[in-house]
């Protein structure tokens, strides 16, 4: 999950500039996504997530012996370069899909939408990975891991958003 987990805060920290929706409005006369989703954020967030995934692949042989009691070596050593793309890109696409629907429902940029705000990027990462790297997805996301991700992600999401708020990169702490 690290490539997906890193993509969102990296996009927020490194983003800015031209919005992905190019300032366009949807048929309901509301912005498609808004100024918070930028081309630079999407590219750099995806790249940061992919780099983290690449680092995970590189260090896996060195840490596998130390984690053998907790996870199988096969799981650590089963690298997927496709997932380096699908996890961070899917995470940011999931966030954009949620933003699109938030705009349609009348939520302002930064307004809280519980559960959707915490798990949109997980759903996006999983959906794109399931679509493009099905065997890797099922060999790595067991039921126990899925449940763990669904439990810890909201807590991690809140913690990173509080940090983003405190350093001035987010307008709200959620």
N, C-alpha and C. Protein backbone atom coordinates (compact mmCIF):
# COMPACT_ATOMS: atom_id res chain seq x y z
N UNK A 1 0.81 -1.21 0.00
CA UNK A 1 0.00 0.00 0.00
C UNK A 1 0.84 1.27 0.00
N UNK A 2 2.13 1.14 0.31
CA UNK A 2 2.94 2.36 0.41
C UNK A 2 2.91 3.24 -0.84
N UNK A 3 2.99 2.68 -2.05
CA UNK A 3 2.92 3.58 -3.21
C UNK A 3 1.61 4.39 -3.25
N UNK A 4 0.51 3.78 -2.85
CA UNK A 4 -0.77 4.49 -2.80
C UNK A 4 -0.79 5.48 -1.65
N UNK A 5 -0.27 5.06 -0.49
CA UNK A 5 -0.25 5.94 0.67
C UNK A 5 0.60 7.19 0.43
N UNK A 6 1.67 7.06 -0.30
CA UNK A 6 2.58 8.19 -0.54
C UNK A 6 2.04 9.13 -1.62
N UNK A 7 1.34 8.60 -2.59
CA UNK A 7 0.89 9.41 -3.74
C UNK A 7 0.06 10.62 -3.33
N UNK A 8 -0.92 10.44 -2.45
CA UNK A 8 -1.79 11.55 -2.07
C UNK A 8 -1.08 12.69 -1.36
N UNK A 9 -0.33 12.42 -0.28
CA UNK A 9 0.34 13.55 0.37
C UNK A 9 1.42 14.17 -0.53
N UNK A 10 2.07 13.35 -1.36
CA UNK A 10 3.07 13.90 -2.28
C UNK A 10 2.40 14.84 -3.28
N UNK A 11 1.23 14.45 -3.77
CA UNK A 11 0.49 15.32 -4.71
C UNK A 11 0.13 16.64 -4.04
N UNK A 12 -0.28 16.57 -2.78
CA UNK A 12 -0.65 17.80 -2.06
C UNK A 12 0.57 18.67 -1.80
N UNK A 13 1.69 18.05 -1.41
CA UNK A 13 2.90 18.81 -1.11
C UNK A 13 3.56 19.40 -2.35
N UNK A 14 3.56 18.64 -3.41
CA UNK A 14 4.32 19.03 -4.61
C UNK A 14 3.45 19.61 -5.72
N UNK A 15 2.14 19.58 -5.52
CA UNK A 15 1.22 20.03 -6.56
C UNK A 15 1.17 21.54 -6.68
N UNK A 16 0.17 21.96 -7.37
CA UNK A 16 0.02 23.39 -7.66
C UNK A 16 0.07 23.59 -9.16
N UNK A 17 -0.23 24.78 -9.57
CA UNK A 17 -0.20 25.05 -11.01
C UNK A 17 -1.54 24.77 -11.67
N UNK A 18 -1.46 24.32 -12.90
CA UNK A 18 -2.65 24.13 -13.72
C UNK A 18 -3.53 22.98 -13.20
N UNK A 19 -4.82 23.25 -12.99
CA UNK A 19 -5.73 22.19 -12.55
C UNK A 19 -5.93 21.14 -13.66
N UNK A 20 -6.13 19.92 -13.25
CA UNK A 20 -6.36 18.83 -14.20
C UNK A 20 -7.60 19.10 -15.05
N UNK A 21 -8.62 19.69 -14.44
CA UNK A 21 -9.85 19.95 -15.20
C UNK A 21 -9.76 21.20 -16.07
N UNK A 22 -8.58 21.85 -16.08
CA UNK A 22 -8.32 23.04 -16.90
C UNK A 22 -9.33 24.16 -16.63
N UNK A 23 -9.91 24.17 -15.43
CA UNK A 23 -10.87 25.20 -15.08
C UNK A 23 -12.24 25.02 -15.71
N UNK A 24 -12.48 23.85 -16.29
CA UNK A 24 -13.75 23.59 -16.99
C UNK A 24 -14.87 23.24 -16.01
N UNK A 25 -16.07 23.49 -16.47
CA UNK A 25 -17.26 23.20 -15.69
C UNK A 25 -18.00 22.03 -16.30
N UNK A 26 -18.66 21.26 -15.46
CA UNK A 26 -19.47 20.13 -15.91
C UNK A 26 -20.83 20.66 -16.34
N UNK A 27 -21.69 19.78 -16.83
CA UNK A 27 -23.01 20.19 -17.32
C UNK A 27 -23.89 20.80 -16.22
N UNK A 28 -23.53 20.57 -14.96
CA UNK A 28 -24.29 21.14 -13.84
C UNK A 28 -23.77 22.52 -13.44
N UNK A 29 -22.87 23.09 -14.25
CA UNK A 29 -22.27 24.40 -14.00
C UNK A 29 -21.41 24.45 -12.75
N UNK A 30 -20.90 23.30 -12.33
CA UNK A 30 -19.94 23.23 -11.22
C UNK A 30 -18.62 22.75 -11.80
N UNK A 31 -17.52 23.19 -11.19
CA UNK A 31 -16.21 22.75 -11.65
C UNK A 31 -16.14 21.23 -11.67
N UNK A 32 -15.46 20.68 -12.63
CA UNK A 32 -15.34 19.23 -12.73
C UNK A 32 -14.64 18.68 -11.49
N UNK A 33 -13.47 19.24 -11.15
CA UNK A 33 -12.73 18.79 -9.97
C UNK A 33 -12.38 19.94 -9.04
N UNK A 34 -11.97 21.04 -9.58
CA UNK A 34 -11.55 22.18 -8.77
C UNK A 34 -10.05 22.39 -8.84
N UNK A 35 -9.60 23.45 -8.21
CA UNK A 35 -8.20 23.84 -8.28
C UNK A 35 -7.27 22.94 -7.48
N UNK A 36 -7.80 22.14 -6.58
CA UNK A 36 -6.97 21.29 -5.73
C UNK A 36 -6.38 20.08 -6.42
N UNK A 37 -6.85 19.74 -7.59
CA UNK A 37 -6.34 18.59 -8.35
C UNK A 37 -5.57 19.13 -9.54
N UNK A 38 -4.24 19.07 -9.45
CA UNK A 38 -3.41 19.69 -10.48
C UNK A 38 -2.62 18.66 -11.28
N UNK A 39 -2.23 19.06 -12.46
CA UNK A 39 -1.42 18.19 -13.32
C UNK A 39 -0.10 17.87 -12.64
N UNK A 40 0.56 18.90 -12.11
CA UNK A 40 1.84 18.67 -11.43
C UNK A 40 1.67 17.76 -10.23
N UNK A 41 0.62 17.95 -9.45
CA UNK A 41 0.37 17.09 -8.30
C UNK A 41 0.15 15.64 -8.71
N UNK A 42 -0.62 15.45 -9.79
CA UNK A 42 -0.90 14.10 -10.27
C UNK A 42 0.39 13.41 -10.73
N UNK A 43 1.18 14.11 -11.50
CA UNK A 43 2.41 13.52 -12.04
C UNK A 43 3.42 13.26 -10.92
N UNK A 44 3.66 14.27 -10.09
CA UNK A 44 4.67 14.10 -9.04
C UNK A 44 4.19 13.16 -7.93
N UNK A 45 2.91 13.18 -7.61
CA UNK A 45 2.39 12.23 -6.63
C UNK A 45 2.51 10.80 -7.13
N UNK A 46 2.19 10.58 -8.39
CA UNK A 46 2.33 9.25 -8.98
C UNK A 46 3.79 8.82 -9.00
N UNK A 47 4.66 9.72 -9.37
CA UNK A 47 6.08 9.41 -9.44
C UNK A 47 6.65 9.09 -8.06
N UNK A 48 6.28 9.87 -7.05
CA UNK A 48 6.75 9.60 -5.68
C UNK A 48 6.26 8.23 -5.20
N UNK A 49 5.00 7.92 -5.48
CA UNK A 49 4.48 6.61 -5.10
C UNK A 49 5.23 5.49 -5.80
N UNK A 50 5.51 5.66 -7.07
CA UNK A 50 6.24 4.64 -7.83
C UNK A 50 7.67 4.48 -7.30
N UNK A 51 8.31 5.58 -6.95
CA UNK A 51 9.67 5.51 -6.40
C UNK A 51 9.67 4.75 -5.07
N UNK A 52 8.69 5.02 -4.23
CA UNK A 52 8.59 4.29 -2.96
C UNK A 52 8.39 2.80 -3.22
N UNK A 53 7.54 2.47 -4.20
CA UNK A 53 7.34 1.07 -4.55
C UNK A 53 8.61 0.43 -5.08
N UNK A 54 9.36 1.16 -5.87
CA UNK A 54 10.63 0.65 -6.39
C UNK A 54 11.61 0.41 -5.25
N UNK A 55 11.66 1.32 -4.30
CA UNK A 55 12.52 1.13 -3.12
C UNK A 55 12.09 -0.12 -2.35
N UNK A 56 10.79 -0.35 -2.24
CA UNK A 56 10.31 -1.55 -1.56
C UNK A 56 10.80 -2.81 -2.28
N UNK A 57 10.74 -2.80 -3.59
CA UNK A 57 11.20 -3.96 -4.36
C UNK A 57 12.69 -4.17 -4.15
N UNK A 58 13.46 -3.10 -4.16
CA UNK A 58 14.91 -3.21 -3.99
C UNK A 58 15.31 -3.71 -2.60
N UNK A 59 14.59 -3.26 -1.56
CA UNK A 59 15.00 -3.66 -0.21
C UNK A 59 14.39 -4.99 0.24
N UNK A 60 13.40 -5.48 -0.48
CA UNK A 60 12.73 -6.72 -0.08
C UNK A 60 13.69 -7.87 0.17
N UNK A 61 14.69 -8.13 -0.68
CA UNK A 61 15.59 -9.26 -0.42
C UNK A 61 16.38 -9.11 0.89
N UNK A 62 16.60 -7.88 1.29
CA UNK A 62 17.39 -7.64 2.49
C UNK A 62 16.57 -7.73 3.77
N UNK A 63 15.29 -7.43 3.68
CA UNK A 63 14.46 -7.46 4.89
C UNK A 63 13.64 -8.74 5.02
N UNK A 64 13.55 -9.52 3.95
CA UNK A 64 12.74 -10.75 3.98
C UNK A 64 13.12 -11.67 5.14
N UNK A 65 14.40 -11.90 5.40
CA UNK A 65 14.74 -12.81 6.51
C UNK A 65 14.25 -12.31 7.87
N UNK A 66 14.19 -11.01 8.04
CA UNK A 66 13.78 -10.44 9.33
C UNK A 66 12.26 -10.43 9.52
N UNK A 67 11.53 -10.53 8.43
CA UNK A 67 10.07 -10.50 8.50
C UNK A 67 9.44 -11.87 8.29
N UNK A 68 10.26 -12.90 8.19
CA UNK A 68 9.77 -14.24 7.86
C UNK A 68 8.71 -14.73 8.85
N UNK A 69 8.78 -14.29 10.10
CA UNK A 69 7.80 -14.72 11.09
C UNK A 69 6.44 -14.08 10.88
N UNK A 70 6.40 -12.98 10.11
CA UNK A 70 5.16 -12.23 9.94
C UNK A 70 4.53 -12.36 8.57
N UNK A 71 5.33 -12.43 7.53
CA UNK A 71 4.82 -12.58 6.17
C UNK A 71 5.68 -13.58 5.42
N UNK A 72 5.11 -14.18 4.41
CA UNK A 72 5.87 -15.16 3.64
C UNK A 72 6.90 -14.44 2.77
N UNK A 73 8.03 -15.09 2.58
CA UNK A 73 9.07 -14.53 1.72
C UNK A 73 8.56 -14.39 0.30
N UNK A 74 7.69 -15.30 -0.11
CA UNK A 74 7.13 -15.22 -1.46
C UNK A 74 6.38 -13.90 -1.65
N UNK A 75 5.65 -13.48 -0.62
CA UNK A 75 4.88 -12.23 -0.73
C UNK A 75 5.83 -11.05 -0.89
N UNK A 76 6.91 -11.03 -0.10
CA UNK A 76 7.86 -9.93 -0.19
C UNK A 76 8.61 -9.93 -1.51
N UNK A 77 8.85 -11.10 -2.05
CA UNK A 77 9.69 -11.19 -3.24
C UNK A 77 8.88 -11.15 -4.53
N UNK A 78 7.57 -11.17 -4.43
CA UNK A 78 6.72 -11.16 -5.63
C UNK A 78 6.51 -9.72 -6.07
N UNK A 79 7.48 -9.21 -6.79
CA UNK A 79 7.44 -7.82 -7.23
C UNK A 79 6.60 -7.67 -8.48
N UNK A 80 5.97 -6.53 -8.60
CA UNK A 80 5.22 -6.21 -9.80
C UNK A 80 5.54 -4.78 -10.20
N UNK A 81 6.17 -4.67 -11.37
CA UNK A 81 6.46 -3.33 -11.85
C UNK A 81 5.19 -2.66 -12.36
N UNK A 82 4.19 -3.43 -12.73
CA UNK A 82 2.91 -2.86 -13.12
C UNK A 82 2.26 -2.18 -11.91
N UNK A 83 2.36 -2.82 -10.74
CA UNK A 83 1.77 -2.24 -9.53
C UNK A 83 2.46 -0.94 -9.13
N UNK A 84 3.71 -0.74 -9.57
CA UNK A 84 4.38 0.54 -9.32
C UNK A 84 3.63 1.67 -10.00
N UNK A 85 2.95 1.34 -11.06
CA UNK A 85 2.12 2.30 -11.80
C UNK A 85 0.70 2.33 -11.25
N UNK A 86 0.09 1.16 -11.11
CA UNK A 86 -1.33 1.10 -10.78
C UNK A 86 -1.67 1.58 -9.38
N UNK A 87 -0.81 1.31 -8.42
CA UNK A 87 -1.14 1.70 -7.04
C UNK A 87 -1.16 3.23 -6.86
N UNK A 88 -0.10 3.96 -7.21
CA UNK A 88 -0.17 5.42 -7.00
C UNK A 88 -1.10 6.13 -7.97
N UNK A 89 -1.09 5.72 -9.24
CA UNK A 89 -1.99 6.36 -10.21
C UNK A 89 -3.44 6.07 -9.85
N UNK A 90 -3.73 4.81 -9.49
CA UNK A 90 -5.09 4.46 -9.07
C UNK A 90 -5.52 5.22 -7.83
N UNK A 91 -4.59 5.43 -6.89
CA UNK A 91 -4.91 6.19 -5.68
C UNK A 91 -5.35 7.61 -6.03
N UNK A 92 -4.60 8.25 -6.91
CA UNK A 92 -4.94 9.63 -7.28
C UNK A 92 -6.19 9.69 -8.15
N UNK A 93 -6.40 8.69 -8.99
CA UNK A 93 -7.65 8.64 -9.77
C UNK A 93 -8.85 8.43 -8.85
N UNK A 94 -8.69 7.57 -7.84
CA UNK A 94 -9.77 7.36 -6.86
C UNK A 94 -10.13 8.65 -6.15
N UNK A 95 -9.11 9.41 -5.79
CA UNK A 95 -9.34 10.70 -5.13
C UNK A 95 -10.06 11.66 -6.07
N UNK A 96 -9.70 11.65 -7.35
CA UNK A 96 -10.37 12.53 -8.31
C UNK A 96 -11.82 12.13 -8.54
N UNK A 97 -12.08 10.84 -8.61
CA UNK A 97 -13.46 10.37 -8.79
C UNK A 97 -14.31 10.83 -7.61
N UNK A 98 -13.77 10.68 -6.40
CA UNK A 98 -14.50 11.14 -5.22
C UNK A 98 -14.73 12.64 -5.27
N UNK A 99 -13.71 13.39 -5.68
CA UNK A 99 -13.85 14.85 -5.78
C UNK A 99 -14.93 15.24 -6.79
N UNK A 100 -14.97 14.52 -7.90
CA UNK A 100 -16.00 14.78 -8.91
C UNK A 100 -17.39 14.65 -8.28
N UNK A 101 -17.62 13.56 -7.55
CA UNK A 101 -18.94 13.35 -6.95
C UNK A 101 -19.20 14.31 -5.79
N UNK A 102 -18.17 14.69 -5.06
CA UNK A 102 -18.37 15.69 -4.00
C UNK A 102 -18.86 17.01 -4.59
N UNK A 103 -18.29 17.41 -5.71
CA UNK A 103 -18.74 18.65 -6.37
C UNK A 103 -20.20 18.53 -6.78
N UNK A 104 -20.57 17.40 -7.32
CA UNK A 104 -21.96 17.19 -7.76
C UNK A 104 -22.92 17.23 -6.57
N UNK A 105 -22.45 16.77 -5.41
CA UNK A 105 -23.30 16.76 -4.21
C UNK A 105 -23.28 18.09 -3.46
N UNK A 106 -22.50 19.06 -3.96
CA UNK A 106 -22.49 20.39 -3.35
C UNK A 106 -21.43 20.60 -2.29
N UNK A 107 -20.51 19.66 -2.11
CA UNK A 107 -19.43 19.83 -1.14
C UNK A 107 -18.41 20.82 -1.71
N UNK A 108 -17.96 21.73 -0.89
CA UNK A 108 -16.92 22.67 -1.29
C UNK A 108 -15.57 21.97 -1.19
N UNK A 109 -14.56 22.55 -1.87
CA UNK A 109 -13.21 22.00 -1.78
C UNK A 109 -12.77 21.99 -0.33
N UNK A 110 -12.27 20.85 0.13
CA UNK A 110 -11.80 20.69 1.50
C UNK A 110 -12.88 20.29 2.49
N UNK A 111 -14.16 20.31 2.08
CA UNK A 111 -15.22 19.91 3.00
C UNK A 111 -15.10 18.41 3.30
N UNK A 112 -15.43 18.05 4.54
CA UNK A 112 -15.28 16.67 4.96
C UNK A 112 -16.41 15.79 4.45
N UNK A 113 -16.04 14.63 3.94
CA UNK A 113 -16.99 13.60 3.53
C UNK A 113 -16.48 12.28 4.14
N UNK A 114 -16.92 11.99 5.38
CA UNK A 114 -16.39 10.83 6.10
C UNK A 114 -16.47 9.54 5.28
N UNK A 115 -15.53 8.69 5.52
CA UNK A 115 -15.31 7.39 4.89
C UNK A 115 -14.82 7.57 3.45
N UNK A 116 -15.54 8.32 2.64
CA UNK A 116 -15.10 8.53 1.25
C UNK A 116 -13.75 9.23 1.23
N UNK A 117 -13.55 10.23 2.08
CA UNK A 117 -12.28 10.96 2.10
C UNK A 117 -11.13 10.06 2.55
N UNK A 118 -11.39 9.10 3.40
CA UNK A 118 -10.34 8.26 3.94
C UNK A 118 -10.03 7.04 3.06
N UNK A 119 -11.00 6.58 2.29
CA UNK A 119 -10.79 5.33 1.56
C UNK A 119 -10.89 5.45 0.05
N UNK A 120 -11.11 6.66 -0.47
CA UNK A 120 -11.23 6.83 -1.93
C UNK A 120 -9.97 6.41 -2.65
N UNK A 121 -8.83 6.78 -2.12
CA UNK A 121 -7.57 6.45 -2.80
C UNK A 121 -7.25 4.96 -2.70
N UNK A 122 -7.67 4.32 -1.61
CA UNK A 122 -7.50 2.86 -1.49
C UNK A 122 -8.34 2.17 -2.55
N UNK A 123 -9.59 2.59 -2.67
CA UNK A 123 -10.48 1.99 -3.68
C UNK A 123 -9.91 2.18 -5.08
N UNK A 124 -9.40 3.37 -5.37
CA UNK A 124 -8.83 3.63 -6.69
C UNK A 124 -7.60 2.79 -6.96
N UNK A 125 -6.71 2.72 -5.96
CA UNK A 125 -5.48 1.91 -6.12
C UNK A 125 -5.84 0.45 -6.34
N UNK A 126 -6.75 -0.06 -5.53
CA UNK A 126 -7.14 -1.46 -5.67
C UNK A 126 -7.86 -1.72 -6.99
N UNK A 127 -8.74 -0.83 -7.39
CA UNK A 127 -9.50 -1.03 -8.64
C UNK A 127 -8.58 -1.07 -9.85
N UNK A 128 -7.66 -0.11 -9.95
CA UNK A 128 -6.76 -0.09 -11.11
C UNK A 128 -5.81 -1.27 -11.09
N UNK A 129 -5.33 -1.63 -9.91
CA UNK A 129 -4.42 -2.78 -9.80
C UNK A 129 -5.16 -4.07 -10.11
N UNK A 130 -6.37 -4.21 -9.62
CA UNK A 130 -7.17 -5.40 -9.91
C UNK A 130 -7.43 -5.51 -11.42
N UNK A 131 -7.67 -4.40 -12.05
CA UNK A 131 -7.94 -4.38 -13.48
C UNK A 131 -6.70 -4.72 -14.31
N UNK A 132 -5.55 -4.17 -13.95
CA UNK A 132 -4.36 -4.30 -14.79
C UNK A 132 -3.33 -5.31 -14.30
N UNK A 133 -3.43 -5.74 -13.05
CA UNK A 133 -2.46 -6.69 -12.49
C UNK A 133 -3.17 -7.64 -11.51
N UNK A 134 -4.17 -8.31 -12.04
CA UNK A 134 -5.08 -9.13 -11.23
C UNK A 134 -4.35 -10.18 -10.39
N UNK A 135 -3.44 -10.92 -10.98
CA UNK A 135 -2.78 -12.00 -10.23
C UNK A 135 -1.94 -11.44 -9.09
N UNK A 136 -1.24 -10.33 -9.34
CA UNK A 136 -0.45 -9.73 -8.27
C UNK A 136 -1.37 -9.24 -7.15
N UNK A 137 -2.48 -8.62 -7.54
CA UNK A 137 -3.42 -8.12 -6.54
C UNK A 137 -3.87 -9.25 -5.61
N UNK A 138 -4.35 -10.34 -6.19
CA UNK A 138 -4.88 -11.43 -5.36
C UNK A 138 -3.79 -12.17 -4.59
N UNK A 139 -2.57 -12.16 -5.07
CA UNK A 139 -1.51 -12.83 -4.32
C UNK A 139 -1.00 -11.97 -3.17
N UNK A 140 -1.26 -10.68 -3.20
CA UNK A 140 -0.76 -9.78 -2.15
C UNK A 140 -1.83 -9.24 -1.22
N UNK A 141 -3.05 -9.15 -1.67
CA UNK A 141 -4.11 -8.60 -0.83
C UNK A 141 -5.03 -9.71 -0.36
N UNK A 142 -4.56 -10.40 0.67
CA UNK A 142 -5.36 -11.43 1.31
C UNK A 142 -6.46 -10.75 2.11
N UNK A 143 -7.42 -11.52 2.57
CA UNK A 143 -8.51 -10.97 3.38
C UNK A 143 -7.96 -10.25 4.61
N UNK A 144 -6.98 -10.83 5.26
CA UNK A 144 -6.40 -10.21 6.46
C UNK A 144 -5.76 -8.87 6.13
N UNK A 145 -5.08 -8.78 5.01
CA UNK A 145 -4.44 -7.52 4.63
C UNK A 145 -5.49 -6.49 4.24
N UNK A 146 -6.51 -6.91 3.53
CA UNK A 146 -7.59 -5.97 3.15
C UNK A 146 -8.24 -5.39 4.41
N UNK A 147 -8.55 -6.24 5.37
CA UNK A 147 -9.17 -5.77 6.61
C UNK A 147 -8.23 -4.82 7.35
N UNK A 148 -6.95 -5.18 7.42
CA UNK A 148 -5.97 -4.33 8.09
C UNK A 148 -5.89 -2.97 7.42
N UNK A 149 -5.83 -2.95 6.11
CA UNK A 149 -5.76 -1.69 5.37
C UNK A 149 -7.00 -0.84 5.64
N UNK A 150 -8.17 -1.47 5.63
CA UNK A 150 -9.41 -0.73 5.86
C UNK A 150 -9.51 -0.17 7.27
N UNK A 151 -8.82 -0.80 8.21
CA UNK A 151 -8.83 -0.31 9.59
C UNK A 151 -7.80 0.78 9.81
N UNK A 152 -6.57 0.57 9.32
CA UNK A 152 -5.51 1.54 9.64
C UNK A 152 -5.51 2.77 8.72
N UNK A 153 -6.05 2.63 7.52
CA UNK A 153 -6.00 3.76 6.58
C UNK A 153 -6.68 5.01 7.10
N UNK A 154 -7.89 4.94 7.66
CA UNK A 154 -8.48 6.19 8.18
C UNK A 154 -7.62 6.87 9.24
N UNK A 155 -6.96 6.09 10.07
CA UNK A 155 -6.10 6.67 11.11
C UNK A 155 -4.86 7.32 10.48
N UNK A 156 -4.25 6.63 9.52
CA UNK A 156 -3.09 7.21 8.82
C UNK A 156 -3.50 8.46 8.04
N UNK A 157 -4.66 8.41 7.42
CA UNK A 157 -5.16 9.53 6.63
C UNK A 157 -5.34 10.76 7.52
N UNK A 158 -5.96 10.57 8.66
CA UNK A 158 -6.17 11.68 9.59
C UNK A 158 -4.83 12.25 10.06
N UNK A 159 -3.90 11.38 10.41
CA UNK A 159 -2.59 11.83 10.89
C UNK A 159 -1.86 12.64 9.83
N UNK A 160 -1.85 12.17 8.58
CA UNK A 160 -1.14 12.91 7.52
C UNK A 160 -1.85 14.23 7.22
N UNK A 161 -3.17 14.26 7.32
CA UNK A 161 -3.89 15.51 7.07
C UNK A 161 -3.64 16.53 8.17
N UNK A 162 -3.52 16.08 9.39
CA UNK A 162 -3.21 17.00 10.49
C UNK A 162 -1.82 17.60 10.27
N UNK A 163 -0.88 16.76 9.85
CA UNK A 163 0.47 17.26 9.56
C UNK A 163 0.40 18.27 8.42
N UNK A 164 -0.32 17.93 7.35
CA UNK A 164 -0.46 18.84 6.21
C UNK A 164 -1.07 20.17 6.62
N UNK A 165 -2.04 20.14 7.52
CA UNK A 165 -2.68 21.35 8.03
C UNK A 165 -1.67 22.18 8.83
N UNK A 166 -0.91 21.51 9.69
CA UNK A 166 0.04 22.22 10.55
C UNK A 166 1.18 22.85 9.76
N UNK A 167 1.55 22.26 8.62
CA UNK A 167 2.63 22.85 7.83
C UNK A 167 2.11 23.79 6.75
N UNK A 168 0.79 23.99 6.73
CA UNK A 168 0.20 24.97 5.83
C UNK A 168 -0.11 24.47 4.43
N UNK A 169 -0.11 23.16 4.21
CA UNK A 169 -0.42 22.61 2.89
C UNK A 169 -1.89 22.21 2.75
N UNK A 170 -2.61 22.23 3.83
CA UNK A 170 -4.04 21.93 3.80
C UNK A 170 -4.77 23.02 4.57
N UNK A 171 -5.96 23.37 4.10
CA UNK A 171 -6.75 24.40 4.78
C UNK A 171 -7.53 23.87 5.96
N UNK A 172 -7.73 22.55 6.00
CA UNK A 172 -8.49 21.92 7.08
C UNK A 172 -7.72 20.68 7.56
N UNK A 173 -7.87 20.31 8.83
CA UNK A 173 -7.09 19.18 9.35
C UNK A 173 -7.69 17.81 9.05
N UNK A 174 -8.62 17.72 8.14
CA UNK A 174 -9.14 16.41 7.77
C UNK A 174 -8.92 16.20 6.30
